[in-house]
N, C-alpha and C. Protein backbone atom coordinates (compact mmCIF):
# COMPACT_ATOMS: atom_id res chain seq x y z
N MET A 1 -27.91 -2.02 -1.52
CA MET A 1 -27.60 -3.22 -2.12
C MET A 1 -26.17 -3.67 -2.10
N ILE A 2 -25.17 -2.66 -2.25
CA ILE A 2 -23.73 -3.00 -2.00
C ILE A 2 -23.39 -3.35 -1.13
N TRP A 3 -23.78 -3.06 -0.05
CA TRP A 3 -23.58 -3.65 1.27
C TRP A 3 -24.28 -5.29 1.54
N ILE A 4 -25.00 -5.63 1.11
CA ILE A 4 -25.36 -7.11 1.09
C ILE A 4 -24.50 -7.94 0.36
N LEU A 5 -24.13 -7.32 -0.76
CA LEU A 5 -22.36 -8.10 -1.70
C LEU A 5 -21.68 -8.47 -0.82
N LYS A 6 -20.96 -6.95 -0.36
CA LYS A 6 -19.95 -7.12 0.76
C LYS A 6 -20.14 -7.84 1.95
N PHE A 7 -20.91 -7.79 2.41
CA PHE A 7 -21.60 -9.16 3.47
C PHE A 7 -21.69 -10.20 3.11
N PHE A 8 -21.89 -10.87 1.85
CA PHE A 8 -21.92 -11.79 1.23
C PHE A 8 -20.37 -12.44 1.41
N VAL A 9 -19.70 -11.44 0.87
CA VAL A 9 -18.19 -11.99 0.29
C VAL A 9 -17.52 -12.09 1.75
N SER A 10 -17.67 -10.95 2.51
CA SER A 10 -16.81 -11.33 3.85
C SER A 10 -17.36 -12.46 4.53
N SER A 11 -18.37 -12.86 4.51
CA SER A 11 -18.82 -13.74 5.33
C SER A 11 -18.43 -15.12 4.46
N LEU A 12 -18.17 -15.31 3.23
CA LEU A 12 -17.97 -16.32 2.48
C LEU A 12 -16.46 -16.71 2.87
N LEU A 13 -15.83 -15.49 2.93
CA LEU A 13 -14.33 -15.36 3.00
C LEU A 13 -14.09 -16.00 4.66
N MET A 14 -14.65 -15.46 5.75
CA MET A 14 -14.38 -16.08 7.03
C MET A 14 -14.93 -17.42 7.24
N PHE A 15 -15.91 -17.82 6.56
CA PHE A 15 -16.14 -19.25 6.55
C PHE A 15 -15.04 -20.19 6.05
N CYS A 16 -14.74 -19.60 4.76
CA CYS A 16 -13.35 -20.58 4.41
C CYS A 16 -12.12 -20.27 5.08
N LEU A 17 -11.78 -19.32 6.04
CA LEU A 17 -10.66 -19.00 6.61
C LEU A 17 -10.97 -19.83 7.90
N ILE A 18 -12.08 -19.83 8.60
CA ILE A 18 -12.71 -21.00 9.78
C ILE A 18 -12.38 -22.31 9.16
N LEU A 19 -12.90 -22.66 8.07
CA LEU A 19 -12.91 -23.94 7.64
C LEU A 19 -11.32 -24.55 7.36
N PHE A 20 -10.42 -23.52 6.89
CA PHE A 20 -9.29 -23.86 6.68
C PHE A 20 -8.29 -23.52 8.02
N GLY A 21 -8.88 -23.11 8.93
CA GLY A 21 -8.27 -23.33 10.47
C GLY A 21 -8.60 -24.83 11.07
N VAL A 22 -10.01 -25.18 10.84
CA VAL A 22 -10.30 -26.47 11.24
C VAL A 22 -9.65 -27.72 10.84
N PHE A 23 -9.29 -27.41 9.46
CA PHE A 23 -8.42 -28.80 8.62
C PHE A 23 -7.07 -28.63 8.93
N ASN A 24 -6.71 -27.51 9.49
CA ASN A 24 -5.19 -27.61 9.51
C ASN A 24 -4.82 -27.06 11.05
N SER A 25 -5.57 -27.90 11.91
CA SER A 25 -5.62 -27.56 13.22
C SER A 25 -4.38 -28.26 13.92
N HIS A 26 -3.83 -29.14 13.05
CA HIS A 26 -2.65 -30.10 13.93
C HIS A 26 -1.35 -28.87 14.13
N LYS A 27 -0.73 -29.65 15.19
CA LYS A 27 0.09 -28.76 15.89
C LYS A 27 1.57 -29.19 14.97
N ILE A 28 2.61 -28.33 14.86
CA ILE A 28 3.90 -28.43 14.26
C ILE A 28 4.77 -27.58 15.13
N ASP A 29 5.81 -28.14 14.77
CA ASP A 29 7.16 -27.62 15.83
C ASP A 29 7.76 -26.50 14.68
N VAL A 30 8.16 -25.42 15.25
CA VAL A 30 8.58 -24.29 14.86
C VAL A 30 10.13 -23.79 15.37
N TYR A 31 11.01 -24.25 14.71
CA TYR A 31 12.38 -23.75 15.43
C TYR A 31 12.60 -22.25 15.00
N LEU A 32 12.78 -21.42 16.09
CA LEU A 32 13.31 -20.07 15.87
C LEU A 32 14.34 -19.92 15.52
N TYR A 33 15.44 -20.72 16.22
CA TYR A 33 16.85 -20.14 15.79
C TYR A 33 17.95 -21.80 15.82
N PRO A 34 18.76 -21.55 15.40
CA PRO A 34 19.32 -23.11 14.98
C PRO A 34 20.05 -23.52 17.02
N ASN A 35 19.64 -24.37 17.27
CA ASN A 35 20.27 -24.96 18.51
C ASN A 35 21.41 -24.75 18.73
N ILE A 36 22.18 -23.65 18.67
CA ILE A 36 23.96 -23.88 19.03
C ILE A 36 24.35 -23.90 20.32
N LEU A 37 23.34 -23.11 21.01
CA LEU A 37 23.75 -23.15 22.53
C LEU A 37 23.18 -24.31 23.65
N ASN A 38 22.13 -24.96 22.80
CA ASN A 38 21.81 -26.33 23.21
C ASN A 38 20.90 -25.59 24.64
N SER A 39 20.04 -24.78 24.32
CA SER A 39 18.95 -24.10 25.04
C SER A 39 17.77 -24.40 24.51
N GLU A 40 16.77 -24.55 25.64
CA GLU A 40 15.46 -25.24 25.19
C GLU A 40 14.60 -23.89 25.25
N PHE A 41 14.78 -22.87 25.96
CA PHE A 41 13.98 -21.58 25.85
C PHE A 41 13.79 -21.00 24.67
N PHE A 42 12.58 -20.76 24.64
CA PHE A 42 12.27 -20.31 23.17
C PHE A 42 12.74 -20.62 22.06
N TYR A 43 13.42 -21.99 21.84
CA TYR A 43 14.10 -22.59 20.78
C TYR A 43 12.79 -23.12 19.97
N LEU A 44 12.06 -23.76 20.41
CA LEU A 44 11.06 -24.72 19.88
C LEU A 44 9.56 -24.17 20.26
N LEU A 45 8.95 -23.75 19.22
CA LEU A 45 7.26 -23.42 19.61
C LEU A 45 6.65 -24.74 18.82
N ASN A 46 5.43 -25.02 19.37
CA ASN A 46 4.52 -25.77 19.01
C ASN A 46 3.34 -25.17 18.83
N VAL A 47 3.08 -25.10 17.22
CA VAL A 47 1.91 -23.86 17.02
C VAL A 47 0.85 -24.67 15.93
N PRO A 48 -0.22 -24.37 16.08
CA PRO A 48 -1.24 -24.84 15.04
C PRO A 48 -0.65 -24.56 13.50
N LEU A 49 -0.65 -25.18 12.54
CA LEU A 49 -0.41 -24.83 10.80
C LEU A 49 -1.19 -23.67 10.46
N TYR A 50 -2.15 -23.55 10.98
CA TYR A 50 -3.42 -22.35 10.15
C TYR A 50 -2.83 -21.01 11.23
N LEU A 51 -2.12 -20.82 11.97
CA LEU A 51 -1.59 -19.69 12.58
C LEU A 51 -0.47 -19.34 11.81
N ILE A 52 0.45 -20.37 11.36
CA ILE A 52 1.68 -20.08 10.54
C ILE A 52 1.30 -19.62 9.14
N VAL A 53 0.35 -20.27 8.64
CA VAL A 53 0.02 -20.16 7.38
C VAL A 53 -0.66 -18.40 7.38
N ILE A 54 -1.70 -18.04 8.31
CA ILE A 54 -2.08 -16.89 8.44
C ILE A 54 -1.02 -15.76 8.79
N PHE A 55 -0.32 -15.89 9.82
CA PHE A 55 1.03 -14.93 10.26
C PHE A 55 1.80 -14.49 8.77
N SER A 56 2.07 -15.99 7.87
CA SER A 56 3.35 -15.59 6.83
C SER A 56 2.32 -14.76 5.75
N ILE A 57 0.91 -14.89 5.77
CA ILE A 57 0.18 -13.81 4.49
C ILE A 57 0.37 -12.50 5.07
N PHE A 58 -0.01 -12.35 6.29
CA PHE A 58 0.09 -11.02 7.15
C PHE A 58 1.48 -10.62 6.86
N ILE A 59 2.58 -11.14 7.01
CA ILE A 59 3.56 -10.29 6.99
C ILE A 59 4.15 -10.33 5.51
N GLY A 60 3.59 -10.88 4.78
CA GLY A 60 3.62 -10.68 3.12
C GLY A 60 3.16 -9.52 2.51
N PHE A 61 1.89 -9.58 3.02
CA PHE A 61 0.85 -8.09 2.66
C PHE A 61 1.57 -6.97 3.23
N ILE A 62 2.15 -6.88 4.61
CA ILE A 62 2.86 -5.59 5.20
C ILE A 62 4.23 -5.36 4.23
N LEU A 63 5.00 -6.56 4.07
CA LEU A 63 6.15 -6.21 3.24
C LEU A 63 5.62 -5.60 1.51
N GLY A 64 4.62 -6.20 1.13
CA GLY A 64 4.29 -5.78 0.19
C GLY A 64 3.64 -4.37 0.40
N CYS A 65 3.20 -3.87 0.98
CA CYS A 65 2.58 -2.40 0.96
C CYS A 65 3.68 -1.69 1.33
N ILE A 66 4.80 -2.03 2.19
CA ILE A 66 6.20 -1.18 2.26
C ILE A 66 6.76 -0.81 1.05
N LEU A 67 7.04 -1.95 0.38
CA LEU A 67 7.89 -1.89 -0.84
C LEU A 67 7.05 -1.39 -2.05
N GLU A 68 5.71 -1.37 -2.01
CA GLU A 68 4.81 -0.52 -2.94
C GLU A 68 4.98 0.91 -2.90
N ASN A 69 5.13 1.32 -1.59
CA ASN A 69 4.91 2.60 -0.90
C ASN A 69 6.30 3.36 -1.23
N VAL A 70 7.63 2.58 -1.09
CA VAL A 70 8.91 3.01 -1.39
C VAL A 70 9.04 3.22 -2.88
N ARG A 71 8.14 2.08 -3.74
CA ARG A 71 8.65 2.25 -5.14
C ARG A 71 7.43 3.49 -5.93
N SER A 72 6.14 3.95 -4.97
CA SER A 72 5.65 4.85 -5.62
C SER A 72 6.35 6.30 -4.84
N TYR A 73 7.15 6.24 -4.13
CA TYR A 73 7.46 7.76 -3.47
C TYR A 73 8.56 8.66 -4.56
N LYS A 74 8.82 7.75 -5.35
CA LYS A 74 9.69 8.57 -6.58
C LYS A 74 8.65 9.38 -7.48
N ILE A 75 7.74 8.40 -8.03
CA ILE A 75 6.59 9.30 -8.20
C ILE A 75 6.04 10.23 -8.07
N ARG A 76 5.60 10.17 -6.66
CA ARG A 76 5.11 11.09 -5.76
C ARG A 76 5.77 12.32 -5.83
N ARG A 77 7.24 12.14 -5.64
CA ARG A 77 8.01 13.20 -5.63
C ARG A 77 8.11 13.95 -6.97
N PHE A 78 8.25 13.37 -7.78
CA PHE A 78 8.51 13.82 -9.35
C PHE A 78 7.33 14.89 -9.35
N LEU A 79 5.83 14.15 -9.22
CA LEU A 79 4.42 14.77 -9.66
C LEU A 79 4.71 16.29 -8.53
N LYS A 80 4.99 16.24 -7.69
CA LYS A 80 5.03 17.36 -6.84
C LYS A 80 6.08 18.24 -7.29
N ARG A 81 7.09 18.09 -7.46
CA ARG A 81 7.86 18.92 -8.22
C ARG A 81 7.61 19.60 -9.40
N ARG A 82 6.75 18.54 -10.28
CA ARG A 82 6.31 19.09 -11.37
C ARG A 82 4.94 20.44 -10.99
N ASN A 83 4.07 19.84 -10.20
CA ASN A 83 2.96 20.48 -9.94
C ASN A 83 3.61 21.96 -9.36
N LYS A 84 4.63 21.96 -8.71
CA LYS A 84 5.34 23.33 -7.78
C LYS A 84 5.65 24.22 -9.33
N GLU A 85 6.43 23.66 -10.34
CA GLU A 85 6.86 24.33 -11.86
C GLU A 85 5.67 24.76 -12.43
N LEU A 86 4.11 23.78 -12.23
CA LEU A 86 3.20 24.28 -13.00
C LEU A 86 2.41 25.78 -12.36
N HIS A 87 2.78 25.42 -11.15
CA HIS A 87 2.09 26.87 -10.50
C HIS A 87 3.04 28.05 -10.70
N LYS A 88 4.20 28.02 -10.56
CA LYS A 88 4.92 28.79 -11.08
C LYS A 88 4.59 29.56 -12.12
N ARG A 89 4.36 28.79 -13.42
CA ARG A 89 4.41 29.30 -14.71
C ARG A 89 3.14 30.06 -14.97
N HIS A 90 1.82 29.48 -13.82
CA HIS A 90 0.63 29.68 -13.98
C HIS A 90 0.88 31.48 -13.45
N ILE A 91 1.61 31.29 -12.29
CA ILE A 91 1.60 32.59 -11.49
C ILE A 91 2.39 34.10 -12.69
N GLU A 92 3.30 32.99 -13.31
CA GLU A 92 3.82 34.17 -14.15
C GLU A 92 2.97 34.71 -15.42
N LEU A 93 2.35 33.56 -16.18
CA LEU A 93 1.36 33.94 -16.74
C LEU A 93 0.51 35.07 -16.46
N GLN A 94 -0.10 35.19 -15.35
CA GLN A 94 -1.10 35.85 -14.94
C GLN A 94 -0.35 37.56 -14.54
N ASN A 95 0.90 37.19 -14.09
CA ASN A 95 1.65 38.45 -14.25
C ASN A 95 1.81 38.91 -15.59
N LEU A 96 2.32 38.48 -16.70
CA LEU A 96 2.32 38.83 -17.59
C LEU A 96 1.06 39.36 -18.35
N LYS A 97 -0.13 38.67 -18.19
CA LYS A 97 -1.54 39.25 -18.50
C LYS A 97 -1.86 40.58 -17.83
N LYS A 98 -1.25 40.72 -16.69
CA LYS A 98 -1.36 42.15 -15.97
C LYS A 98 -0.94 43.03 -16.51
N LYS A 99 0.48 42.74 -16.88
CA LYS A 99 1.51 43.85 -17.74
C LYS A 99 0.78 44.21 -18.83
N LEU A 100 0.79 43.55 -19.99
CA LEU A 100 0.27 43.53 -20.92
C LEU A 100 -1.29 43.46 -21.27
N ASP A 101 -1.62 44.20 -22.46
CA ASP A 101 -2.96 44.33 -22.75
C ASP A 101 -3.60 42.88 -23.43
N PRO A 102 -4.38 42.11 -22.90
CA PRO A 102 -4.56 40.47 -23.78
C PRO A 102 -5.17 40.91 -25.06
N GLN A 103 -6.02 42.17 -24.99
CA GLN A 103 -6.96 42.21 -26.54
C GLN A 103 -5.65 42.88 -27.45
N ASN A 104 -4.79 43.68 -27.08
CA ASN A 104 -3.95 44.24 -28.31
C ASN A 104 -2.62 43.30 -28.49
N ASP A 105 -2.58 42.01 -27.60
CA ASP A 105 -1.37 41.08 -27.90
C ASP A 105 -1.92 40.01 -28.74
N LYS A 106 -1.57 39.35 -29.87
CA LYS A 106 -2.58 38.17 -30.22
C LYS A 106 -2.22 37.19 -29.38
N LEU A 107 -0.64 36.82 -29.11
CA LEU A 107 -0.25 35.39 -28.40
C LEU A 107 -1.00 35.35 -27.08
N LEU A 108 -1.34 36.71 -26.50
CA LEU A 108 -1.78 36.33 -25.24
C LEU A 108 -3.70 35.81 -25.41
N SER A 109 -3.89 36.77 -26.45
CA SER A 109 -5.50 36.62 -26.76
C SER A 109 -5.44 34.89 -26.98
N LEU A 110 -4.60 34.27 -27.65
CA LEU A 110 -4.67 32.86 -27.99
C LEU A 110 -4.59 31.68 -26.80
N LEU A 111 -4.00 32.30 -25.88
CA LEU A 111 -3.57 31.74 -24.48
C LEU A 111 -5.02 31.74 -23.98
N GLU A 112 -5.93 32.59 -24.10
CA GLU A 112 -7.10 32.64 -23.27
C GLU A 112 -8.42 31.78 -23.74
């Protein structure tokens, strides 16, 4: 049932993208760099507007993913360090349980 909804949404999105491309198919001039050297080689591109818009959205998505990954790196590093400390404490607790008899010690019996 969910695949029908996914198919419908993706078909609608593809239709909107094609419709956007048809309405914005006129060519525009894109200047890649300032014409300081008076060269015409790769100075000017004549491309459809929808390619510029789709390329800009793609670059924005990639840049957003990279920035989010960099932001969450600190959190992942902190959680990994905390997880190692927790594992170390768990091993210490297991060693203490082996040394002491948990039935005779009131504090260890509360931990169980």
